[in-house]
């Protein structure tokens, strides 16, 4: 691979370029580099999660006789916990030596969408996040089954209210429309019958754990997608996974995420067929997707817009690369905006754990408008200029070393770290490194991947 190939691969599959990743990939051919990126998985959290994630949900606390002030304190405690969880995930994305796993966790959280503002139980949000990360590069069929037992999902889509004598269709509808088949591949009758399959799946209120309430389950015969039987939730998932439309929907979304905004439908169909044949193996699918000629075509480079998370985490990673988890947390804490990091993401349009609707963040061209562009530019400048700088330390971006500086010029170094393609503005060679840095993050290409 040449330097442009490496830059393209890292900006597309992770959060920008870090020196350690560049060193690992530089000696490799493209296919070997893809295998290395996809096969890399981190089993443990590098950043220790908040200690409350194993607590019981806050709703288990009896509030009988509480004063207005006590209830207000509880609400503020919940908000503080979700803010802490958002900060934890940002640091995890910064610290991870396997950023593709974090990128895919972010992708799946926008596929199997839940909104914290409705669940309002931070520990359940964390449990769902842990499930998504566990399956992010595993098997889609296993992840689907896990989400149909996930307390956060069951509460968000009201399946705790779904019982034989009072069927609730919310989960069944989104399962078919968003999580698997997509519109046009099922009927209203299918939704109603699928909802019956999911009756009895609820949450144990005292612990927040998944509970199958047998007495609430509809034991009658159901017909889903033309298949008749006494189906339960597991049977329903199998029926949906057997449909070509499910694999095609997932592959198409991944094409939009990683290659271009105009999928090659014939290639999508062949990738989807292999996806189904290989037991919905996500890692195997990603390798095939990244090795598709379209991924490396010049016409498809720099044509996708980075999400706020991709942009801001990508800008920060070069400055914290190689730090221990503790040192990374300390470095991030030196940011003047450290406590406001999650809110900066929100202002740019991506509020972690709380997407705008059940359809998730729309992404693509929707990331940019006159308001969010200004927010993105201001935040990018603040992060890059202020990250890790104080009276005793120089800006780490001006001291980046390694293979990117093999030609002895820092200009190429900074460009590859921060921009997926060459800038559109003319930047004179006479600029100081500090001014060069500011010009690169002002250039429109900093928003592209």
Foldseek 3Di string as FASTA:
>chain_A
DDLLLQLQVDLQQFQFDAQVLCVVPVVDDDLVNLLVLLPDADPDQLQDADPCLQPFFPVLDDCVPPDPVVVVVVLVVLVVNVLSRVLSLLLSSLPDPRRNLSVLLVVVCLQLDAACVQLSGSSLLVVLSSLSSVCSQFFLLVSLVVLLQRARSCRRQVLQVAFDVGFRQRSLVCCCCGNFQHPPQFDPLQSRLLSLQSWQFHADNNGRGTGRRVNRHDQDWGAHPNDIDSHHNSNVSVVRLVDLRRLLVVLLVVCVSRFHPDDPSVVSSVLSVVCSVVNNRRSVSSSVSCPPVRNPDPVRFQHWFDQLSSLLSLLQNNLCPPPRSVVSVVQLVQQPCSSVVLVLSVQQPQRPSHAPDSSGRPGTPVSDDPRNVVSSLVSSVSCQCRGNDDPVDDRVLVVDDHPQCVVVDSLSVLCSSQFSDDFPDDDDPPDDPVVSNSVSSVGPRSRTD
